[in-house]
Amino acid sequence: MENPNATLNLWVRQYAPAMRAWAIRRINDKEIAEDLVQDTFVAALQSFHSFEGKSNPKTWLFSILKHKILDYFRKKYKQNYVLTNDSGKGFFEGFFDRNSSWKEHNRPQNWEVHEAELLDDENFRAVLKLCMKLLPELWLSAVSLKYLEEKKGPEICEDLGISQANFWQILHRAKLQLRECINNEWFVK
């Protein structure tokens, strides 16, 4: 029988750097991503006996890591978050009037740039990353799963343990906050 420790040590050397980079892109937090990769290898060692070798070890490990990331999001995002601005009013009160219509001065303006040009700009990507880090954890998770992982709404709702109505509201609010942050950090400066 194969020595699980020796095999796992080999897999750590072969796959850990790619797994770490992949997790960092999804979590946006280096330390947490590294912890999740480490947890992945612990889980792999614990269930080594169930690995039949029918798939590539890298595929198996990334599958475990994917589930670790989803578990992280599920646990992290069961909490409630309330955003407030400096005056203590709800963050979204500044965007809409009593009839839920845009307030004229807060109506989204056309940025008049091409998205491809922005995404090619390293400085813009840094601003986007900063703005994403400012999102509440649940919102960041929903946005990441929807737009980076390209998952479908029902699957995201199941992963995060939220209703579809809540999911779409979270996405809407996250996009509003991202737009406001990007406008303030990129276009106004």
N, C-alpha and C. Protein backbone atom coordinates (compact mmCIF):
# COMPACT_ATOMS: atom_id res chain seq x y z
N MET A 1 0.85 -1.19 0.00
CA MET A 1 0.00 0.00 0.00
C MET A 1 0.88 1.24 0.00
N GLU A 2 0.40 2.25 -0.67
CA GLU A 2 1.10 3.52 -0.80
C GLU A 2 1.22 4.23 0.55
N ASN A 3 2.34 4.92 0.77
CA ASN A 3 2.54 5.67 1.99
C ASN A 3 1.84 7.02 1.85
N PRO A 4 0.74 7.26 2.60
CA PRO A 4 -0.02 8.51 2.46
C PRO A 4 0.83 9.75 2.75
N ASN A 5 1.67 9.70 3.77
CA ASN A 5 2.48 10.87 4.13
C ASN A 5 3.46 11.24 3.01
N ALA A 6 4.13 10.25 2.46
CA ALA A 6 5.09 10.51 1.38
C ALA A 6 4.38 11.05 0.14
N THR A 7 3.25 10.45 -0.18
CA THR A 7 2.48 10.89 -1.34
C THR A 7 1.98 12.32 -1.14
N LEU A 8 1.46 12.59 0.05
CA LEU A 8 0.94 13.93 0.32
C LEU A 8 2.07 14.97 0.31
N ASN A 9 3.24 14.62 0.83
CA ASN A 9 4.38 15.54 0.77
C ASN A 9 4.73 15.89 -0.67
N LEU A 10 4.67 14.92 -1.54
CA LEU A 10 4.93 15.15 -2.96
C LEU A 10 3.86 16.07 -3.55
N TRP A 11 2.61 15.82 -3.21
CA TRP A 11 1.51 16.64 -3.71
C TRP A 11 1.61 18.08 -3.20
N VAL A 12 2.03 18.25 -1.97
CA VAL A 12 2.20 19.60 -1.43
C VAL A 12 3.23 20.36 -2.27
N ARG A 13 4.35 19.73 -2.55
CA ARG A 13 5.39 20.38 -3.37
C ARG A 13 4.88 20.67 -4.79
N GLN A 14 4.11 19.76 -5.35
CA GLN A 14 3.65 19.90 -6.73
C GLN A 14 2.50 20.90 -6.87
N TYR A 15 1.54 20.86 -5.96
CA TYR A 15 0.28 21.57 -6.19
C TYR A 15 0.00 22.75 -5.26
N ALA A 16 0.67 22.83 -4.13
CA ALA A 16 0.36 23.89 -3.16
C ALA A 16 0.49 25.30 -3.74
N PRO A 17 1.56 25.62 -4.49
CA PRO A 17 1.64 26.99 -5.02
C PRO A 17 0.46 27.37 -5.92
N ALA A 18 0.04 26.48 -6.79
CA ALA A 18 -1.09 26.77 -7.67
C ALA A 18 -2.39 26.87 -6.87
N MET A 19 -2.53 26.00 -5.87
CA MET A 19 -3.73 26.03 -5.03
C MET A 19 -3.79 27.32 -4.23
N ARG A 20 -2.64 27.74 -3.70
CA ARG A 20 -2.58 28.98 -2.92
C ARG A 20 -2.96 30.18 -3.80
N ALA A 21 -2.42 30.25 -5.00
CA ALA A 21 -2.72 31.36 -5.90
C ALA A 21 -4.20 31.36 -6.28
N TRP A 22 -4.74 30.19 -6.53
CA TRP A 22 -6.15 30.06 -6.90
C TRP A 22 -7.05 30.50 -5.74
N ALA A 23 -6.72 30.09 -4.54
CA ALA A 23 -7.52 30.44 -3.35
C ALA A 23 -7.42 31.93 -3.05
N ILE A 24 -6.25 32.52 -3.21
CA ILE A 24 -6.09 33.96 -2.95
C ILE A 24 -6.97 34.76 -3.88
N ARG A 25 -7.06 34.36 -5.15
CA ARG A 25 -7.91 35.07 -6.10
C ARG A 25 -9.38 35.00 -5.70
N ARG A 26 -9.78 33.93 -5.06
CA ARG A 26 -11.18 33.78 -4.69
C ARG A 26 -11.50 34.39 -3.33
N ILE A 27 -10.58 34.31 -2.40
CA ILE A 27 -10.82 34.78 -1.05
C ILE A 27 -10.41 36.25 -0.87
N ASN A 28 -9.40 36.67 -1.60
CA ASN A 28 -8.90 38.04 -1.50
C ASN A 28 -8.22 38.30 -0.15
N ASP A 29 -7.78 37.25 0.50
CA ASP A 29 -7.08 37.37 1.76
C ASP A 29 -6.02 36.26 1.82
N LYS A 30 -4.75 36.66 1.76
CA LYS A 30 -3.66 35.69 1.64
C LYS A 30 -3.62 34.70 2.80
N GLU A 31 -3.75 35.19 4.02
CA GLU A 31 -3.64 34.32 5.19
C GLU A 31 -4.77 33.30 5.23
N ILE A 32 -5.99 33.75 4.97
CA ILE A 32 -7.12 32.83 4.99
C ILE A 32 -6.98 31.81 3.87
N ALA A 33 -6.55 32.27 2.70
CA ALA A 33 -6.36 31.35 1.57
C ALA A 33 -5.32 30.30 1.91
N GLU A 34 -4.22 30.71 2.53
CA GLU A 34 -3.19 29.75 2.92
C GLU A 34 -3.71 28.76 3.95
N ASP A 35 -4.52 29.24 4.89
CA ASP A 35 -5.12 28.34 5.88
C ASP A 35 -6.03 27.32 5.20
N LEU A 36 -6.80 27.77 4.22
CA LEU A 36 -7.71 26.86 3.52
C LEU A 36 -6.95 25.81 2.71
N VAL A 37 -5.82 26.20 2.13
CA VAL A 37 -5.00 25.23 1.41
C VAL A 37 -4.44 24.21 2.39
N GLN A 38 -3.99 24.69 3.53
CA GLN A 38 -3.48 23.78 4.55
C GLN A 38 -4.59 22.83 5.03
N ASP A 39 -5.79 23.37 5.24
CA ASP A 39 -6.93 22.54 5.64
C ASP A 39 -7.24 21.49 4.56
N THR A 40 -7.03 21.88 3.32
CA THR A 40 -7.27 20.96 2.21
C THR A 40 -6.34 19.75 2.31
N PHE A 41 -5.08 20.00 2.58
CA PHE A 41 -4.13 18.90 2.69
C PHE A 41 -4.39 18.04 3.92
N VAL A 42 -4.86 18.64 5.00
CA VAL A 42 -5.23 17.87 6.19
C VAL A 42 -6.41 16.95 5.84
N ALA A 43 -7.41 17.53 5.16
CA ALA A 43 -8.58 16.72 4.75
C ALA A 43 -8.16 15.62 3.78
N ALA A 44 -7.24 15.93 2.89
CA ALA A 44 -6.77 14.93 1.93
C ALA A 44 -6.07 13.78 2.66
N LEU A 45 -5.28 14.10 3.66
CA LEU A 45 -4.61 13.05 4.43
C LEU A 45 -5.63 12.19 5.16
N GLN A 46 -6.64 12.86 5.75
CA GLN A 46 -7.66 12.12 6.50
C GLN A 46 -8.50 11.21 5.60
N SER A 47 -8.67 11.61 4.35
CA SER A 47 -9.50 10.79 3.46
C SER A 47 -8.68 10.16 2.34
N PHE A 48 -7.38 10.05 2.57
CA PHE A 48 -6.48 9.49 1.56
C PHE A 48 -6.92 8.09 1.11
N HIS A 49 -7.43 7.32 2.05
CA HIS A 49 -7.86 5.96 1.75
C HIS A 49 -9.01 5.92 0.74
N SER A 50 -9.77 7.02 0.64
CA SER A 50 -10.90 7.04 -0.30
C SER A 50 -10.49 7.50 -1.70
N PHE A 51 -9.28 8.02 -1.84
CA PHE A 51 -8.79 8.42 -3.16
C PHE A 51 -8.39 7.17 -3.93
N GLU A 52 -9.12 6.90 -4.98
CA GLU A 52 -8.90 5.66 -5.73
C GLU A 52 -7.97 5.84 -6.92
N GLY A 53 -7.55 7.07 -7.17
CA GLY A 53 -6.65 7.32 -8.28
C GLY A 53 -7.35 7.37 -9.63
N LYS A 54 -8.68 7.41 -9.63
CA LYS A 54 -9.43 7.47 -10.89
C LYS A 54 -9.37 8.86 -11.52
N SER A 55 -9.06 9.85 -10.68
CA SER A 55 -8.89 11.21 -11.19
C SER A 55 -7.46 11.66 -10.88
N ASN A 56 -7.08 12.72 -11.49
CA ASN A 56 -5.77 13.31 -11.24
C ASN A 56 -5.74 13.82 -9.79
N PRO A 57 -4.65 13.62 -9.05
CA PRO A 57 -4.59 14.14 -7.67
C PRO A 57 -4.85 15.65 -7.60
N LYS A 58 -4.37 16.39 -8.59
CA LYS A 58 -4.59 17.83 -8.62
C LYS A 58 -6.08 18.15 -8.68
N THR A 59 -6.82 17.42 -9.49
CA THR A 59 -8.27 17.62 -9.60
C THR A 59 -8.94 17.33 -8.27
N TRP A 60 -8.53 16.23 -7.62
CA TRP A 60 -9.10 15.85 -6.34
C TRP A 60 -8.82 16.92 -5.29
N LEU A 61 -7.58 17.39 -5.23
CA LEU A 61 -7.20 18.41 -4.24
C LEU A 61 -7.93 19.73 -4.48
N PHE A 62 -8.03 20.14 -5.73
CA PHE A 62 -8.75 21.39 -6.03
C PHE A 62 -10.23 21.26 -5.70
N SER A 63 -10.78 20.07 -5.87
CA SER A 63 -12.18 19.85 -5.50
C SER A 63 -12.36 20.01 -3.98
N ILE A 64 -11.43 19.46 -3.22
CA ILE A 64 -11.48 19.61 -1.75
C ILE A 64 -11.34 21.10 -1.40
N LEU A 65 -10.39 21.79 -2.03
CA LEU A 65 -10.18 23.21 -1.76
C LEU A 65 -11.42 24.03 -2.09
N LYS A 66 -12.05 23.72 -3.20
CA LYS A 66 -13.27 24.43 -3.60
C LYS A 66 -14.32 24.29 -2.50
N HIS A 67 -14.48 23.10 -1.96
CA HIS A 67 -15.46 22.88 -0.89
C HIS A 67 -15.04 23.61 0.40
N LYS A 68 -13.75 23.67 0.67
CA LYS A 68 -13.27 24.40 1.84
C LYS A 68 -13.60 25.89 1.70
N ILE A 69 -13.43 26.43 0.49
CA ILE A 69 -13.74 27.84 0.25
C ILE A 69 -15.24 28.08 0.41
N LEU A 70 -16.05 27.20 -0.14
CA LEU A 70 -17.50 27.35 0.01
C LEU A 70 -17.92 27.26 1.47
N ASP A 71 -17.32 26.34 2.21
CA ASP A 71 -17.62 26.24 3.65
C ASP A 71 -17.22 27.52 4.37
N TYR A 72 -16.08 28.06 4.00
CA TYR A 72 -15.63 29.32 4.59
C TYR A 72 -16.66 30.42 4.34
N PHE A 73 -17.12 30.54 3.09
CA PHE A 73 -18.12 31.55 2.75
C PHE A 73 -19.42 31.31 3.51
N ARG A 74 -19.85 30.07 3.59
CA ARG A 74 -21.10 29.76 4.30
C ARG A 74 -21.02 30.19 5.76
N LYS A 75 -19.93 29.82 6.43
CA LYS A 75 -19.78 30.16 7.84
C LYS A 75 -19.66 31.67 8.05
N LYS A 76 -18.87 32.29 7.20
CA LYS A 76 -18.57 33.70 7.36
C LYS A 76 -19.78 34.57 7.10
N TYR A 77 -20.66 34.12 6.22
CA TYR A 77 -21.71 35.00 5.74
C TYR A 77 -23.08 34.74 6.33
N LYS A 78 -23.13 34.01 7.38
CA LYS A 78 -24.39 33.80 8.07
C LYS A 78 -24.69 35.00 8.98
N GLN A 79 -23.73 35.91 9.10
CA GLN A 79 -23.88 37.07 9.96
C GLN A 79 -24.62 38.18 9.24
N ASN A 80 -25.18 39.08 9.99
CA ASN A 80 -25.86 40.25 9.40
C ASN A 80 -24.90 41.43 9.39
N TYR A 81 -24.99 42.23 8.34
CA TYR A 81 -24.14 43.40 8.21
C TYR A 81 -24.99 44.62 7.97
N VAL A 82 -24.62 45.72 8.59
CA VAL A 82 -25.30 46.98 8.38
C VAL A 82 -24.24 48.00 8.02
N LEU A 83 -24.41 48.60 6.85
CA LEU A 83 -23.48 49.65 6.43
C LEU A 83 -24.05 50.99 6.83
N THR A 84 -23.19 51.82 7.35
CA THR A 84 -23.61 53.19 7.63
C THR A 84 -22.56 54.13 7.10
N ASN A 85 -23.03 55.32 6.74
CA ASN A 85 -22.06 56.32 6.32
C ASN A 85 -21.66 57.14 7.54
N ASP A 86 -20.87 58.18 7.37
CA ASP A 86 -20.35 58.94 8.51
C ASP A 86 -21.45 59.58 9.35
N SER A 87 -22.57 59.93 8.75
CA SER A 87 -23.63 60.59 9.51
C SER A 87 -24.47 59.59 10.30
N GLY A 88 -24.22 58.30 10.12
CA GLY A 88 -24.98 57.31 10.85
C GLY A 88 -26.22 56.85 10.11
N LYS A 89 -26.58 57.52 9.02
CA LYS A 89 -27.74 57.10 8.23
C LYS A 89 -27.36 55.86 7.45
N GLY A 90 -28.37 55.11 7.08
CA GLY A 90 -28.12 53.93 6.26
C GLY A 90 -27.41 54.32 4.98
N PHE A 91 -26.48 53.51 4.56
CA PHE A 91 -25.68 53.78 3.38
C PHE A 91 -26.54 54.05 2.16
N PHE A 92 -27.63 53.31 2.00
CA PHE A 92 -28.43 53.39 0.79
C PHE A 92 -29.45 54.52 0.82
N GLU A 93 -29.67 55.12 1.96
CA GLU A 93 -30.59 56.26 2.03
C GLU A 93 -30.10 57.40 1.15
N GLY A 94 -28.80 57.50 0.97
CA GLY A 94 -28.26 58.59 0.17
C GLY A 94 -28.51 58.44 -1.32
N PHE A 95 -28.84 57.25 -1.79
CA PHE A 95 -29.04 57.03 -3.22
C PHE A 95 -30.47 57.30 -3.67
N PHE A 96 -31.46 56.99 -2.81
CA PHE A 96 -32.85 56.98 -3.25
C PHE A 96 -33.72 57.90 -2.41
N ASP A 97 -34.80 58.38 -3.04
CA ASP A 97 -35.76 59.21 -2.31
C ASP A 97 -36.85 58.31 -1.71
N ARG A 98 -37.89 58.93 -1.15
CA ARG A 98 -38.95 58.16 -0.49
C ARG A 98 -39.71 57.24 -1.44
N ASN A 99 -39.70 57.58 -2.73
CA ASN A 99 -40.41 56.77 -3.73
C ASN A 99 -39.51 55.72 -4.36
N SER A 100 -38.34 55.51 -3.77
CA SER A 100 -37.35 54.55 -4.27
C SER A 100 -36.81 54.91 -5.65
N SER A 101 -36.84 56.19 -5.97
CA SER A 101 -36.25 56.69 -7.22
C SER A 101 -34.88 57.27 -6.90
N TRP A 102 -34.01 57.27 -7.92
CA TRP A 102 -32.67 57.82 -7.72
C TRP A 102 -32.76 59.30 -7.36
N LYS A 103 -31.99 59.71 -6.37
CA LYS A 103 -31.82 61.14 -6.12
C LYS A 103 -30.95 61.67 -7.26
N GLU A 104 -31.32 62.81 -7.78
CA GLU A 104 -30.66 63.32 -8.99
C GLU A 104 -29.14 63.38 -8.86
N HIS A 105 -28.61 63.88 -7.75
CA HIS A 105 -27.16 64.03 -7.60
C HIS A 105 -26.44 62.70 -7.37
N ASN A 106 -27.19 61.64 -7.08
CA ASN A 106 -26.56 60.33 -6.87
C ASN A 106 -26.85 59.34 -7.99
N ARG A 107 -27.53 59.81 -9.02
CA ARG A 107 -27.83 58.93 -10.16
C ARG A 107 -26.52 58.50 -10.80
N PRO A 108 -26.38 57.21 -11.12
CA PRO A 108 -25.13 56.76 -11.75
C PRO A 108 -24.86 57.51 -13.05
N GLN A 109 -23.63 57.93 -13.19
CA GLN A 109 -23.21 58.63 -14.40
C GLN A 109 -22.44 57.67 -15.29
N ASN A 110 -22.48 57.91 -16.57
CA ASN A 110 -21.72 57.11 -17.50
C ASN A 110 -20.24 57.45 -17.31
N TRP A 111 -19.42 56.44 -17.10
CA TRP A 111 -17.99 56.67 -16.87
C TRP A 111 -17.23 56.97 -18.16
N GLU A 112 -17.86 56.69 -19.29
CA GLU A 112 -17.29 57.00 -20.59
C GLU A 112 -15.89 56.41 -20.81
N VAL A 113 -15.72 55.21 -20.36
CA VAL A 113 -14.50 54.45 -20.64
C VAL A 113 -14.92 53.04 -21.00
N HIS A 114 -14.08 52.34 -21.69
CA HIS A 114 -14.37 50.96 -22.04
C HIS A 114 -13.90 50.05 -20.92
N GLU A 115 -14.75 49.10 -20.57
CA GLU A 115 -14.41 48.17 -19.48
C GLU A 115 -13.08 47.48 -19.73
N ALA A 116 -12.84 47.07 -20.97
CA ALA A 116 -11.60 46.35 -21.29
C ALA A 116 -10.39 47.22 -20.97
N GLU A 117 -10.49 48.51 -21.24
CA GLU A 117 -9.38 49.41 -20.93
C GLU A 117 -9.15 49.49 -19.43
N LEU A 118 -10.24 49.57 -18.68
CA LEU A 118 -10.11 49.64 -17.22
C LEU A 118 -9.47 48.38 -16.66
N LEU A 119 -9.96 47.24 -17.09
CA LEU A 119 -9.46 45.98 -16.54
C LEU A 119 -8.03 45.70 -16.93
N ASP A 120 -7.54 46.35 -17.97
CA ASP A 120 -6.13 46.21 -18.36
C ASP A 120 -5.22 47.13 -17.54
N ASP A 121 -5.81 48.08 -16.84
CA ASP A 121 -5.04 49.05 -16.08
C ASP A 121 -4.75 48.51 -14.68
N GLU A 122 -3.48 48.32 -14.38
CA GLU A 122 -3.08 47.75 -13.09
C GLU A 122 -3.55 48.61 -11.91
N ASN A 123 -3.50 49.92 -12.05
CA ASN A 123 -3.95 50.81 -10.98
C ASN A 123 -5.45 50.69 -10.75
N PHE A 124 -6.21 50.58 -11.83
CA PHE A 124 -7.66 50.40 -11.67
C PHE A 124 -7.95 49.07 -10.96
N ARG A 125 -7.25 48.02 -11.34
CA ARG A 125 -7.47 46.72 -10.69
C ARG A 125 -7.17 46.81 -9.19
N ALA A 126 -6.18 47.61 -8.82
CA ALA A 126 -5.87 47.79 -7.40
C ALA A 126 -7.03 48.50 -6.69
N VAL A 127 -7.61 49.50 -7.35
CA VAL A 127 -8.76 50.22 -6.78
C VAL A 127 -9.95 49.26 -6.66
N LEU A 128 -10.18 48.47 -7.69
CA LEU A 128 -11.28 47.50 -7.65
C LEU A 128 -11.09 46.51 -6.50
N LYS A 129 -9.87 46.04 -6.33
CA LYS A 129 -9.58 45.10 -5.24
C LYS A 129 -9.84 45.77 -3.89
N LEU A 130 -9.40 47.01 -3.74
CA LEU A 130 -9.65 47.75 -2.51
C LEU A 130 -11.16 47.87 -2.26
N CYS A 131 -11.88 48.26 -3.29
CA CYS A 131 -13.33 48.44 -3.14
C CYS A 131 -14.02 47.12 -2.81
N MET A 132 -13.55 46.05 -3.39
CA MET A 132 -14.14 44.75 -3.08
C MET A 132 -13.86 44.36 -1.64
N LYS A 133 -12.66 44.69 -1.14
CA LYS A 133 -12.33 44.37 0.26
C LYS A 133 -13.21 45.15 1.24
N LEU A 134 -13.76 46.28 0.80
CA LEU A 134 -14.63 47.08 1.66
C LEU A 134 -16.06 46.55 1.73
N LEU A 135 -16.38 45.62 0.84
CA LEU A 135 -17.72 45.02 0.88
C LEU A 135 -17.87 44.16 2.13
N PRO A 136 -19.06 44.10 2.68
CA PRO A 136 -19.29 43.13 3.75
C PRO A 136 -19.00 41.73 3.23
N GLU A 137 -18.62 40.85 4.11
CA GLU A 137 -18.19 39.51 3.73
C GLU A 137 -19.20 38.77 2.86
N LEU A 138 -20.47 38.82 3.24
CA LEU A 138 -21.49 38.12 2.47
C LEU A 138 -21.59 38.68 1.06
N TRP A 139 -21.51 39.98 0.95
CA TRP A 139 -21.61 40.62 -0.36
C TRP A 139 -20.41 40.25 -1.22
N LEU A 140 -19.22 40.27 -0.63
CA LEU A 140 -18.02 39.90 -1.37
C LEU A 140 -18.14 38.46 -1.87
N SER A 141 -18.64 37.60 -1.02
CA SER A 141 -18.81 36.21 -1.40
C SER A 141 -19.78 36.09 -2.57
N ALA A 142 -20.92 36.75 -2.48
CA ALA A 142 -21.92 36.67 -3.55
C ALA A 142 -21.37 37.21 -4.86
N VAL A 143 -20.70 38.34 -4.81
CA VAL A 143 -20.12 38.95 -6.01
C VAL A 143 -19.03 38.04 -6.59
N SER A 144 -18.18 37.51 -5.74
CA SER A 144 -17.09 36.64 -6.21
C SER A 144 -17.63 35.38 -6.87
N LEU A 145 -18.61 34.77 -6.23
CA LEU A 145 -19.17 33.54 -6.79
C LEU A 145 -19.90 33.81 -8.10
N LYS A 146 -20.61 34.94 -8.18
CA LYS A 146 -21.38 35.26 -9.38
C LYS A 146 -20.49 35.70 -10.54
N TYR A 147 -19.57 36.62 -10.28
CA TYR A 147 -18.84 37.24 -11.38
C TYR A 147 -17.43 36.68 -11.60
N LEU A 148 -16.82 36.12 -10.58
CA LEU A 148 -15.49 35.53 -10.75
C LEU A 148 -15.57 34.03 -10.98
N GLU A 149 -16.43 33.36 -10.22
CA GLU A 149 -16.60 31.92 -10.38
C GLU A 149 -17.63 31.59 -11.46
N GLU A 150 -18.43 32.59 -11.84
CA GLU A 150 -19.48 32.46 -12.86
C GLU A 150 -20.48 31.36 -12.51
N LYS A 151 -20.83 31.32 -11.22
CA LYS A 151 -21.84 30.37 -10.77
C LYS A 151 -23.24 30.96 -11.01
N LYS A 152 -24.21 30.09 -11.09
CA LYS A 152 -25.61 30.49 -11.28
C LYS A 152 -26.22 30.85 -9.92
N GLY A 153 -27.22 31.71 -9.93
CA GLY A 153 -27.88 32.18 -8.72
C GLY A 153 -28.33 31.09 -7.78
N PRO A 154 -29.08 30.09 -8.26
CA PRO A 154 -29.56 29.05 -7.34
C PRO A 154 -28.42 28.30 -6.63
N GLU A 155 -27.35 28.06 -7.36
CA GLU A 155 -26.20 27.37 -6.77
C GLU A 155 -25.54 28.24 -5.69
N ILE A 156 -25.44 29.54 -5.95
CA ILE A 156 -24.85 30.47 -4.98
C ILE A 156 -25.72 30.53 -3.74
N CYS A 157 -27.04 30.60 -3.94
CA CYS A 157 -27.96 30.64 -2.80
C CYS A 157 -27.80 29.42 -1.92
N GLU A 158 -27.65 28.26 -2.56
CA GLU A 158 -27.46 27.03 -1.80
C GLU A 158 -26.12 27.06 -1.06
N ASP A 159 -25.07 27.51 -1.76
CA ASP A 159 -23.74 27.56 -1.14
C ASP A 159 -23.71 28.50 0.07
N LEU A 160 -24.40 29.64 -0.04
CA LEU A 160 -24.36 30.63 1.03
C LEU A 160 -25.50 30.48 2.03
N GLY A 161 -26.45 29.63 1.72
CA GLY A 161 -27.57 29.42 2.62
C GLY A 161 -28.49 30.63 2.70
N ILE A 162 -28.75 31.28 1.54
CA ILE A 162 -29.61 32.46 1.51
C ILE A 162 -30.70 32.24 0.47
N SER A 163 -31.78 33.04 0.57
CA SER A 163 -32.86 32.94 -0.40
C SER A 163 -32.47 33.66 -1.69
N GLN A 164 -33.18 33.36 -2.77
CA GLN A 164 -32.88 34.03 -4.04
C GLN A 164 -33.18 35.52 -3.95
N ALA A 165 -34.27 35.88 -3.26
CA ALA A 165 -34.59 37.31 -3.11
C ALA A 165 -33.46 38.02 -2.37
N ASN A 166 -32.95 37.40 -1.32
CA ASN A 166 -31.85 37.98 -0.57
C ASN A 166 -30.60 38.08 -1.44
N PHE A 167 -30.33 37.05 -2.23
CA PHE A 167 -29.17 37.05 -3.11
C PHE A 167 -29.20 38.22 -4.08
N TRP A 168 -30.34 38.43 -4.74
CA TRP A 168 -30.41 39.51 -5.74
C TRP A 168 -30.34 40.87 -5.06
N GLN A 169 -30.86 40.99 -3.86
CA GLN A 169 -30.76 42.24 -3.12
C GLN A 169 -29.29 42.49 -2.73
N ILE A 170 -28.60 41.46 -2.30
CA ILE A 170 -27.19 41.58 -1.95
C ILE A 170 -26.37 42.01 -3.17
N LEU A 171 -26.62 41.37 -4.31
CA LEU A 171 -25.88 41.76 -5.52
C LEU A 171 -26.14 43.21 -5.89
N HIS A 172 -27.40 43.62 -5.81
CA HIS A 172 -27.75 45.00 -6.14
C HIS A 172 -27.02 45.98 -5.22
N ARG A 173 -27.07 45.72 -3.93
CA ARG A 173 -26.42 46.61 -2.98
C ARG A 173 -24.89 46.59 -3.13
N ALA A 174 -24.35 45.41 -3.40
CA ALA A 174 -22.90 45.32 -3.59
C ALA A 174 -22.47 46.12 -4.82
N LYS A 175 -23.24 46.03 -5.89
CA LYS A 175 -22.90 46.79 -7.10
C LYS A 175 -22.99 48.28 -6.85
N LEU A 176 -24.01 48.70 -6.08
CA LEU A 176 -24.12 50.13 -5.74
C LEU A 176 -22.90 50.59 -4.96
N GLN A 177 -22.51 49.80 -3.96
CA GLN A 177 -21.37 50.19 -3.14
C GLN A 177 -20.09 50.17 -3.96
N LEU A 178 -19.91 49.16 -4.80
CA LEU A 178 -18.71 49.11 -5.65
C LEU A 178 -18.65 50.31 -6.58
N ARG A 179 -19.79 50.64 -7.18
CA ARG A 179 -19.83 51.78 -8.09
C ARG A 179 -19.46 53.07 -7.34
N GLU A 180 -20.02 53.26 -6.18
CA GLU A 180 -19.72 54.45 -5.38
C GLU A 180 -18.24 54.51 -5.02
N CYS A 181 -17.71 53.40 -4.57
CA CYS A 181 -16.30 53.34 -4.18
C CYS A 181 -15.39 53.60 -5.38
N ILE A 182 -15.67 52.94 -6.49
CA ILE A 182 -14.85 53.13 -7.69
C ILE A 182 -14.94 54.57 -8.18
N ASN A 183 -16.13 55.11 -8.14
CA ASN A 183 -16.31 56.50 -8.55
C ASN A 183 -15.46 57.43 -7.67
N ASN A 184 -15.49 57.20 -6.37
CA ASN A 184 -14.74 58.06 -5.44
C ASN A 184 -13.24 57.83 -5.49
N GLU A 185 -12.83 56.58 -5.64
CA GLU A 185 -11.40 56.24 -5.58
C GLU A 185 -10.69 56.33 -6.93
N TRP A 186 -11.45 56.26 -8.02
CA TRP A 186 -10.81 56.21 -9.34
C TRP A 186 -11.15 57.43 -10.17
N PHE A 187 -12.45 57.72 -10.31
CA PHE A 187 -12.85 58.75 -11.25
C PHE A 187 -12.79 60.16 -10.67
N VAL A 188 -13.05 60.31 -9.38
CA VAL A 188 -13.06 61.64 -8.76
C VAL A 188 -11.65 62.14 -8.50
N LYS A 189 -10.72 61.23 -8.23
CA LYS A 189 -9.34 61.63 -7.85
C LYS A 189 -8.63 62.31 -8.95
